[in-house]
Amino acid sequence: MSKRKLSKRLRKQRNRGNHRKQSKGRTPGRNHHHLNPKSRGGVARPFNLLLIDIEKHRCWHKMFGLRSLPEVIELLLRIRRFKQGQRR
C-alpha cells in the first residue's frame, strides 16, 4: 500500500473517531430506543425515541424483540389476564 493511501486511510479513521466523541445527543452509558422500530418504519425523531440505559435497552430487546410499545403493552395485558384467570 502506498504511503499516500495509508496516511489518507489513517486520517479518515482519526476523523471518524473524533466525530463520535463530539457527536451531539450522545450520553455515556445510555442510548436511544426507537418506540416504533426503524425496521418497521419508525423514524429517528424525538417523538419516537426514548433515552435509556444501555443495559436496560439490551434487556428490553431480549424480552420483547422488535415489538412496538403498543404491542408490548398488549402482550403484558394478555399475560395479566391469563394470570388472573389461573387464580380462579
PDB file of N, CA and C in Angstrom:
ATOM      1  N   MET A   1       0.843  -1.170   0.000  1.00  0.00           N
ATOM      2  CA  MET A   1       0.000   0.000   0.000  1.00  0.00           C
ATOM      3  C   MET A   1       0.893   1.238   0.000  1.00  0.00           C
ATOM      4  N   SER A   2       0.523   2.205  -0.808  1.00  0.00           N
ATOM      5  CA  SER A   2       1.359   3.398  -0.901  1.00  0.00           C
ATOM      6  C   SER A   2       1.232   4.242   0.371  1.00  0.00           C
ATOM      7  N   LYS A   3       2.268   5.059   0.565  1.00  0.00           N
ATOM      8  CA  LYS A   3       2.309   5.903   1.758  1.00  0.00           C
ATOM      9  C   LYS A   3       1.146   6.893   1.763  1.00  0.00           C
ATOM     10  N   ARG A   4       0.799   7.414   0.577  1.00  0.00           N
ATOM     11  CA  ARG A   4      -0.285   8.393   0.479  1.00  0.00           C
ATOM     12  C   ARG A   4      -1.627   7.751   0.855  1.00  0.00           C
ATOM     13  N   LYS A   5      -1.896   6.544   0.351  1.00  0.00           N
ATOM     14  CA  LYS A   5      -3.150   5.859   0.660  1.00  0.00           C
ATOM     15  C   LYS A   5      -3.228   5.534   2.148  1.00  0.00           C
ATOM     16  N   LEU A   6      -2.114   5.121   2.711  1.00  0.00           N
ATOM     17  CA  LEU A   6      -2.087   4.775   4.121  1.00  0.00           C
ATOM     18  C   LEU A   6      -2.396   5.995   4.977  1.00  0.00           C
ATOM     19  N   SER A   7      -1.769   7.114   4.690  1.00  0.00           N
ATOM     20  CA  SER A   7      -1.993   8.303   5.508  1.00  0.00           C
ATOM     21  C   SER A   7      -3.434   8.804   5.334  1.00  0.00           C
ATOM     22  N   LYS A   8      -3.983   8.696   4.127  1.00  0.00           N
ATOM     23  CA  LYS A   8      -5.371   9.103   3.890  1.00  0.00           C
ATOM     24  C   LYS A   8      -6.317   8.213   4.703  1.00  0.00           C
ATOM     25  N   ARG A   9      -6.033   6.921   4.725  1.00  0.00           N
ATOM     26  CA  ARG A   9      -6.848   5.972   5.478  1.00  0.00           C
ATOM     27  C   ARG A   9      -6.772   6.261   6.978  1.00  0.00           C
ATOM     28  N   LEU A  10      -5.570   6.544   7.475  1.00  0.00           N
ATOM     29  CA  LEU A  10      -5.408   6.860   8.890  1.00  0.00           C
ATOM     30  C   LEU A  10      -6.131   8.155   9.263  1.00  0.00           C
ATOM     31  N   ARG A  11      -6.086   9.160   8.381  1.00  0.00           N
ATOM     32  CA  ARG A  11      -6.804  10.413   8.643  1.00  0.00           C
ATOM     33  C   ARG A  11      -8.297  10.164   8.752  1.00  0.00           C
ATOM     34  N   LYS A  12      -8.836   9.318   7.859  1.00  0.00           N
ATOM     35  CA  LYS A  12     -10.270   9.005   7.895  1.00  0.00           C
ATOM     36  C   LYS A  12     -10.632   8.339   9.213  1.00  0.00           C
ATOM     37  N   GLN A  13      -9.814   7.373   9.638  1.00  0.00           N
ATOM     38  CA  GLN A  13     -10.079   6.687  10.908  1.00  0.00           C
ATOM     39  C   GLN A  13     -10.017   7.661  12.071  1.00  0.00           C
ATOM     40  N   ARG A  14      -9.038   8.539  12.064  1.00  0.00           N
ATOM     41  CA  ARG A  14      -8.886   9.509  13.136  1.00  0.00           C
ATOM     42  C   ARG A  14     -10.087  10.452  13.166  1.00  0.00           C
ATOM     43  N   ASN A  15     -10.504  10.942  12.008  1.00  0.00           N
ATOM     44  CA  ASN A  15     -11.655  11.840  11.932  1.00  0.00           C
ATOM     45  C   ASN A  15     -12.934  11.143  12.366  1.00  0.00           C
ATOM     46  N   ARG A  16     -13.094   9.896  12.004  1.00  0.00           N
ATOM     47  CA  ARG A  16     -14.278   9.136  12.382  1.00  0.00           C
ATOM     48  C   ARG A  16     -14.361   9.030  13.900  1.00  0.00           C
ATOM     49  N   GLY A  17     -13.226   8.778  14.543  1.00  0.00           N
ATOM     50  CA  GLY A  17     -13.193   8.686  15.996  1.00  0.00           C
ATOM     51  C   GLY A  17     -13.542  10.010  16.657  1.00  0.00           C
ATOM     52  N   ASN A  18     -13.039  11.107  16.122  1.00  0.00           N
ATOM     53  CA  ASN A  18     -13.337  12.427  16.675  1.00  0.00           C
ATOM     54  C   ASN A  18     -14.805  12.764  16.518  1.00  0.00           C
ATOM     55  N   HIS A  19     -15.383  12.397  15.399  1.00  0.00           N
ATOM     56  CA  HIS A  19     -16.793  12.684  15.162  1.00  0.00           C
ATOM     57  C   HIS A  19     -17.658  11.995  16.214  1.00  0.00           C
ATOM     58  N   ARG A  20     -17.328  10.755  16.544  1.00  0.00           N
ATOM     59  CA  ARG A  20     -18.110  10.014  17.537  1.00  0.00           C
ATOM     60  C   ARG A  20     -18.054  10.701  18.894  1.00  0.00           C
ATOM     61  N   LYS A  21     -16.877  11.192  19.270  1.00  0.00           N
ATOM     62  CA  LYS A  21     -16.725  11.811  20.582  1.00  0.00           C
ATOM     63  C   LYS A  21     -17.485  13.130  20.664  1.00  0.00           C
ATOM     64  N   GLN A  22     -17.517  13.891  19.569  1.00  0.00           N
ATOM     65  CA  GLN A  22     -18.114  15.206  19.590  1.00  0.00           C
ATOM     66  C   GLN A  22     -19.565  15.205  19.123  1.00  0.00           C
ATOM     67  N   SER A  23     -20.065  14.091  18.766  1.00  0.00           N
ATOM     68  CA  SER A  23     -21.403  13.972  18.228  1.00  0.00           C
ATOM     69  C   SER A  23     -22.451  14.446  19.234  1.00  0.00           C
ATOM     70  N   LYS A  24     -23.387  15.292  18.783  1.00  0.00           N
ATOM     71  CA  LYS A  24     -24.416  15.830  19.666  1.00  0.00           C
ATOM     72  C   LYS A  24     -25.443  14.755  19.989  1.00  0.00           C
ATOM     73  N   GLY A  25     -26.043  14.859  21.166  1.00  0.00           N
ATOM     74  CA  GLY A  25     -27.102  13.936  21.540  1.00  0.00           C
ATOM     75  C   GLY A  25     -26.609  12.634  22.149  1.00  0.00           C
ATOM     76  N   ARG A  26     -25.325  12.457  22.272  1.00  0.00           N
ATOM     77  CA  ARG A  26     -24.791  11.221  22.857  1.00  0.00           C
ATOM     78  C   ARG A  26     -24.645  11.405  24.363  1.00  0.00           C
ATOM     79  N   THR A  27     -25.017  10.365  25.096  1.00  0.00           N
ATOM     80  CA  THR A  27     -24.895  10.379  26.547  1.00  0.00           C
ATOM     81  C   THR A  27     -24.192   9.100  26.959  1.00  0.00           C
ATOM     82  N   PRO A  28     -23.061   9.190  27.654  1.00  0.00           N
ATOM     83  CA  PRO A  28     -22.346   7.971  28.060  1.00  0.00           C
ATOM     84  C   PRO A  28     -23.238   7.051  28.898  1.00  0.00           C
ATOM     85  N   GLY A  29     -23.239   5.772  28.562  1.00  0.00           N
ATOM     86  CA  GLY A  29     -23.992   4.795  29.322  1.00  0.00           C
ATOM     87  C   GLY A  29     -25.453   4.681  28.936  1.00  0.00           C
ATOM     88  N   ARG A  30     -25.896   5.509  28.003  1.00  0.00           N
ATOM     89  CA  ARG A  30     -27.289   5.447  27.557  1.00  0.00           C
ATOM     90  C   ARG A  30     -27.346   5.557  26.040  1.00  0.00           C
ATOM     91  N   ASN A  31     -28.411   5.050  25.464  1.00  0.00           N
ATOM     92  CA  ASN A  31     -28.610   5.220  24.032  1.00  0.00           C
ATOM     93  C   ASN A  31     -30.100   5.337  23.725  1.00  0.00           C
ATOM     94  N   HIS A  32     -30.415   5.581  22.473  1.00  0.00           N
ATOM     95  CA  HIS A  32     -31.798   5.817  22.085  1.00  0.00           C
ATOM     96  C   HIS A  32     -32.490   4.524  21.675  1.00  0.00           C
ATOM     97  N   HIS A  33     -33.666   4.334  22.221  1.00  0.00           N
ATOM     98  CA  HIS A  33     -34.517   3.196  21.852  1.00  0.00           C
ATOM     99  C   HIS A  33     -35.639   3.759  20.981  1.00  0.00           C
ATOM    100  N   HIS A  34     -35.894   3.117  19.848  1.00  0.00           N
ATOM    101  CA  HIS A  34     -36.978   3.530  18.970  1.00  0.00           C
ATOM    102  C   HIS A  34     -38.271   2.869  19.447  1.00  0.00           C
ATOM    103  N   LEU A  35     -39.273   3.674  19.806  1.00  0.00           N
ATOM    104  CA  LEU A  35     -40.548   3.129  20.267  1.00  0.00           C
ATOM    105  C   LEU A  35     -41.221   2.348  19.146  1.00  0.00           C
ATOM    106  N   ASN A  36     -41.165   2.872  17.943  1.00  0.00           N
ATOM    107  CA  ASN A  36     -41.597   2.142  16.751  1.00  0.00           C
ATOM    108  C   ASN A  36     -40.306   1.810  16.001  1.00  0.00           C
ATOM    109  N   PRO A  37     -39.916   0.526  15.930  1.00  0.00           N
ATOM    110  CA  PRO A  37     -38.604   0.151  15.384  1.00  0.00           C
ATOM    111  C   PRO A  37     -38.333   0.693  13.982  1.00  0.00           C
ATOM    112  N   LYS A  38     -37.073   1.050  13.745  1.00  0.00           N
ATOM    113  CA  LYS A  38     -36.667   1.535  12.419  1.00  0.00           C
ATOM    114  C   LYS A  38     -36.959   0.499  11.348  1.00  0.00           C
ATOM    115  N   SER A  39     -36.789  -0.778  11.693  1.00  0.00           N
ATOM    116  CA  SER A  39     -37.004  -1.844  10.714  1.00  0.00           C
ATOM    117  C   SER A  39     -38.471  -1.968  10.315  1.00  0.00           C
ATOM    118  N   ARG A  40     -39.350  -1.293  11.074  1.00  0.00           N
ATOM    119  CA  ARG A  40     -40.782  -1.356  10.778  1.00  0.00           C
ATOM    120  C   ARG A  40     -41.338   0.026  10.486  1.00  0.00           C
ATOM    121  N   GLY A  41     -40.488   0.901   9.988  1.00  0.00           N
ATOM    122  CA  GLY A  41     -40.942   2.217   9.561  1.00  0.00           C
ATOM    123  C   GLY A  41     -40.777   3.330  10.572  1.00  0.00           C
ATOM    124  N   GLY A  42     -40.232   3.034  11.747  1.00  0.00           N
ATOM    125  CA  GLY A  42     -40.023   4.073  12.752  1.00  0.00           C
ATOM    126  C   GLY A  42     -38.941   5.047  12.311  1.00  0.00           C
ATOM    127  N   VAL A  43     -39.079   6.265  12.738  1.00  0.00           N
ATOM    128  CA  VAL A  43     -38.124   7.308  12.352  1.00  0.00           C
ATOM    129  C   VAL A  43     -37.301   7.746  13.551  1.00  0.00           C
ATOM    130  N   ALA A  44     -36.155   8.335  13.281  1.00  0.00           N
ATOM    131  CA  ALA A  44     -35.267   8.821  14.341  1.00  0.00           C
ATOM    132  C   ALA A  44     -35.632  10.267  14.677  1.00  0.00           C
ATOM    133  N   ARG A  45     -36.832  10.460  15.191  1.00  0.00           N
ATOM    134  CA  ARG A  45     -37.321  11.785  15.589  1.00  0.00           C
ATOM    135  C   ARG A  45     -37.638  11.741  17.079  1.00  0.00           C
ATOM    136  N   PRO A  46     -37.584  12.857  17.773  1.00  0.00           N
ATOM    137  CA  PRO A  46     -37.772  12.869  19.229  1.00  0.00           C
ATOM    138  C   PRO A  46     -39.038  12.154  19.719  1.00  0.00           C
ATOM    139  N   PHE A  47     -40.148  12.258  18.992  1.00  0.00           N
ATOM    140  CA  PHE A  47     -41.379  11.618  19.448  1.00  0.00           C
ATOM    141  C   PHE A  47     -41.299  10.090  19.406  1.00  0.00           C
ATOM    142  N   ASN A  48     -40.317   9.541  18.691  1.00  0.00           N
ATOM    143  CA  ASN A  48     -40.188   8.095  18.561  1.00  0.00           C
ATOM    144  C   ASN A  48     -38.976   7.549  19.328  1.00  0.00           C
ATOM    145  N   LEU A  49     -38.262   8.404  20.033  1.00  0.00           N
ATOM    146  CA  LEU A  49     -37.035   7.986  20.720  1.00  0.00           C
ATOM    147  C   LEU A  49     -37.168   8.092  22.227  1.00  0.00           C
ATOM    148  N   LEU A  50     -36.556   7.143  22.899  1.00  0.00           N
ATOM    149  CA  LEU A  50     -36.515   7.123  24.357  1.00  0.00           C
ATOM    150  C   LEU A  50     -35.066   6.932  24.763  1.00  0.00           C
ATOM    151  N   LEU A  51     -34.508   7.861  25.539  1.00  0.00           N
ATOM    152  CA  LEU A  51     -33.133   7.741  26.016  1.00  0.00           C
ATOM    153  C   LEU A  51     -33.145   6.780  27.191  1.00  0.00           C
ATOM    154  N   ILE A  52     -32.408   5.684  27.061  1.00  0.00           N
ATOM    155  CA  ILE A  52     -32.483   4.606  28.050  1.00  0.00           C
ATOM    156  C   ILE A  52     -31.092   4.045  28.336  1.00  0.00           C
ATOM    157  N   ASP A  53     -30.890   3.568  29.554  1.00  0.00           N
ATOM    158  CA  ASP A  53     -29.647   2.931  29.964  1.00  0.00           C
ATOM    159  C   ASP A  53     -29.339   1.760  29.017  1.00  0.00           C
ATOM    160  N   ILE A  54     -28.094   1.598  28.627  1.00  0.00           N
ATOM    161  CA  ILE A  54     -27.698   0.579  27.651  1.00  0.00           C
ATOM    162  C   ILE A  54     -28.097  -0.825  28.100  1.00  0.00           C
ATOM    163  N   GLU A  55     -27.880  -1.135  29.372  1.00  0.00           N
ATOM    164  CA  GLU A  55     -28.218  -2.479  29.864  1.00  0.00           C
ATOM    165  C   GLU A  55     -29.728  -2.715  29.832  1.00  0.00           C
ATOM    166  N   LYS A  56     -30.508  -1.702  30.205  1.00  0.00           N
ATOM    167  CA  LYS A  56     -31.973  -1.830  30.154  1.00  0.00           C
ATOM    168  C   LYS A  56     -32.446  -1.983  28.708  1.00  0.00           C
ATOM    169  N   HIS A  57     -31.794  -1.265  27.803  1.00  0.00           N
ATOM    170  CA  HIS A  57     -32.136  -1.363  26.387  1.00  0.00           C
ATOM    171  C   HIS A  57     -31.889  -2.784  25.868  1.00  0.00           C
ATOM    172  N   ARG A  58     -30.745  -3.343  26.255  1.00  0.00           N
ATOM    173  CA  ARG A  58     -30.431  -4.712  25.846  1.00  0.00           C
ATOM    174  C   ARG A  58     -31.471  -5.686  26.386  1.00  0.00           C
ATOM    175  N   CYS A  59     -31.848  -5.518  27.650  1.00  0.00           N
ATOM    176  CA  CYS A  59     -32.857  -6.398  28.260  1.00  0.00           C
ATOM    177  C   CYS A  59     -34.216  -6.246  27.589  1.00  0.00           C
ATOM    178  N   TRP A  60     -34.588  -5.012  27.257  1.00  0.00           N
ATOM    179  CA  TRP A  60     -35.859  -4.762  26.562  1.00  0.00           C
ATOM    180  C   TRP A  60     -35.939  -5.613  25.302  1.00  0.00           C
ATOM    181  N   HIS A  61     -34.880  -5.548  24.472  1.00  0.00           N
ATOM    182  CA  HIS A  61     -34.894  -6.290  23.213  1.00  0.00           C
ATOM    183  C   HIS A  61     -34.792  -7.797  23.440  1.00  0.00           C
ATOM    184  N   LYS A  62     -34.152  -8.200  24.507  1.00  0.00           N
ATOM    185  CA  LYS A  62     -34.080  -9.622  24.819  1.00  0.00           C
ATOM    186  C   LYS A  62     -35.475 -10.147  25.175  1.00  0.00           C
ATOM    187  N   MET A  63     -36.249  -9.340  25.896  1.00  0.00           N
ATOM    188  CA  MET A  63     -37.590  -9.754  26.313  1.00  0.00           C
ATOM    189  C   MET A  63     -38.643  -9.566  25.222  1.00  0.00           C
ATOM    190  N   PHE A  64     -38.589  -8.437  24.514  1.00  0.00           N
ATOM    191  CA  PHE A  64     -39.677  -8.078  23.610  1.00  0.00           C
ATOM    192  C   PHE A  64     -39.294  -8.054  22.130  1.00  0.00           C
ATOM    193  N   GLY A  65     -38.048  -8.323  21.814  1.00  0.00           N
ATOM    194  CA  GLY A  65     -37.629  -8.312  20.411  1.00  0.00           C
ATOM    195  C   GLY A  65     -37.845  -6.952  19.780  1.00  0.00           C
ATOM    196  N   LEU A  66     -38.441  -6.938  18.595  1.00  0.00           N
ATOM    197  CA  LEU A  66     -38.675  -5.681  17.875  1.00  0.00           C
ATOM    198  C   LEU A  66     -40.139  -5.233  17.952  1.00  0.00           C
ATOM    199  N   ARG A  67     -40.828  -5.639  19.000  1.00  0.00           N
ATOM    200  CA  ARG A  67     -42.217  -5.204  19.152  1.00  0.00           C
ATOM    201  C   ARG A  67     -42.260  -3.705  19.439  1.00  0.00           C
ATOM    202  N   SER A  68     -43.304  -3.060  18.942  1.00  0.00           N
ATOM    203  CA  SER A  68     -43.506  -1.640  19.229  1.00  0.00           C
ATOM    204  C   SER A  68     -44.067  -1.503  20.639  1.00  0.00           C
ATOM    205  N   LEU A  69     -44.083  -0.287  21.161  1.00  0.00           N
ATOM    206  CA  LEU A  69     -44.584  -0.058  22.509  1.00  0.00           C
ATOM    207  C   LEU A  69     -46.039  -0.508  22.662  1.00  0.00           C
ATOM    208  N   PRO A  70     -46.967  -0.179  21.745  1.00  0.00           N
ATOM    209  CA  PRO A  70     -48.346  -0.669  21.891  1.00  0.00           C
ATOM    210  C   PRO A  70     -48.432  -2.205  21.878  1.00  0.00           C
ATOM    211  N   GLU A  71     -47.583  -2.858  21.100  1.00  0.00           N
ATOM    212  CA  GLU A  71     -47.575  -4.326  21.070  1.00  0.00           C
ATOM    213  C   GLU A  71     -47.084  -4.903  22.403  1.00  0.00           C
ATOM    214  N   VAL A  72     -46.100  -4.267  23.004  1.00  0.00           N
ATOM    215  CA  VAL A  72     -45.586  -4.725  24.295  1.00  0.00           C
ATOM    216  C   VAL A  72     -46.660  -4.546  25.365  1.00  0.00           C
ATOM    217  N   ILE A  73     -47.344  -3.408  25.346  1.00  0.00           N
ATOM    218  CA  ILE A  73     -48.413  -3.170  26.317  1.00  0.00           C
ATOM    219  C   ILE A  73     -49.505  -4.219  26.163  1.00  0.00           C
ATOM    220  N   GLU A  74     -49.917  -4.503  24.936  1.00  0.00           N
ATOM    221  CA  GLU A  74     -50.942  -5.522  24.698  1.00  0.00           C
ATOM    222  C   GLU A  74     -50.473  -6.896  25.175  1.00  0.00           C
ATOM    223  N   LEU A  75     -49.233  -7.237  24.920  1.00  0.00           N
ATOM    224  CA  LEU A  75     -48.681  -8.515  25.383  1.00  0.00           C
ATOM    225  C   LEU A  75     -48.742  -8.618  26.904  1.00  0.00           C
ATOM    226  N   LEU A  76     -48.326  -7.554  27.602  1.00  0.00           N
ATOM    227  CA  LEU A  76     -48.341  -7.566  29.065  1.00  0.00           C
ATOM    228  C   LEU A  76     -49.764  -7.652  29.609  1.00  0.00           C
ATOM    229  N   LEU A  77     -50.699  -6.974  28.965  1.00  0.00           N
ATOM    230  CA  LEU A  77     -52.099  -7.060  29.393  1.00  0.00           C
ATOM    231  C   LEU A  77     -52.654  -8.467  29.182  1.00  0.00           C
ATOM    232  N   ARG A  78     -52.287  -9.124  28.081  1.00  0.00           N
ATOM    233  CA  ARG A  78     -52.725 -10.508  27.842  1.00  0.00           C
ATOM    234  C   ARG A  78     -52.167 -11.442  28.905  1.00  0.00           C
ATOM    235  N   ILE A  79     -50.905 -11.252  29.259  1.00  0.00           N
ATOM    236  CA  ILE A  79     -50.286 -12.080  30.302  1.00  0.00           C
ATOM    237  C   ILE A  79     -51.019 -11.865  31.624  1.00  0.00           C
ATOM    238  N   ARG A  80     -51.326 -10.604  31.938  1.00  0.00           N
ATOM    239  CA  ARG A  80     -52.042 -10.296  33.176  1.00  0.00           C
ATOM    240  C   ARG A  80     -53.414 -10.974  33.202  1.00  0.00           C
ATOM    241  N   ARG A  81     -54.167 -10.872  32.095  1.00  0.00           N
ATOM    242  CA  ARG A  81     -55.482 -11.510  32.028  1.00  0.00           C
ATOM    243  C   ARG A  81     -55.362 -13.022  32.185  1.00  0.00           C
ATOM    244  N   PHE A  82     -54.353 -13.597  31.562  1.00  0.00           N
ATOM    245  CA  PHE A  82     -54.131 -15.043  31.666  1.00  0.00           C
ATOM    246  C   PHE A  82     -53.837 -15.441  33.113  1.00  0.00           C
ATOM    247  N   LYS A  83     -52.949 -14.668  33.767  1.00  0.00           N
ATOM    248  CA  LYS A  83     -52.581 -14.988  35.156  1.00  0.00           C
ATOM    249  C   LYS A  83     -53.779 -14.810  36.087  1.00  0.00           C
ATOM    250  N   GLN A  84     -54.603 -13.805  35.867  1.00  0.00           N
ATOM    251  CA  GLN A  84     -55.782 -13.617  36.697  1.00  0.00           C
ATOM    252  C   GLN A  84     -56.763 -14.771  36.527  1.00  0.00           C
ATOM    253  N   GLY A  85     -56.872 -15.294  35.325  1.00  0.00           N
ATOM    254  CA  GLY A  85     -57.745 -16.433  35.059  1.00  0.00           C
ATOM    255  C   GLY A  85     -57.259 -17.699  35.735  1.00  0.00           C
ATOM    256  N   GLN A  86     -55.963 -17.819  35.914  1.00  0.00           N
ATOM    257  CA  GLN A  86     -55.392 -19.007  36.562  1.00  0.00           C
ATOM    258  C   GLN A  86     -55.696 -19.043  38.055  1.00  0.00           C
ATOM    259  N   ARG A  87     -55.856 -17.887  38.678  1.00  0.00           N
ATOM    260  CA  ARG A  87     -56.057 -17.832  40.129  1.00  0.00           C
ATOM    261  C   ARG A  87     -57.457 -18.272  40.531  1.00  0.00           C
ATOM    262  N   ARG A  88     -58.402 -18.235  39.649  1.00  0.00           N
ATOM    263  CA  ARG A  88     -59.792 -18.554  39.997  1.00  0.00           C
ATOM    264  C   ARG A  88     -60.036 -20.014  40.114  1.00  0.00           C
TER     265      ARG A  88
END
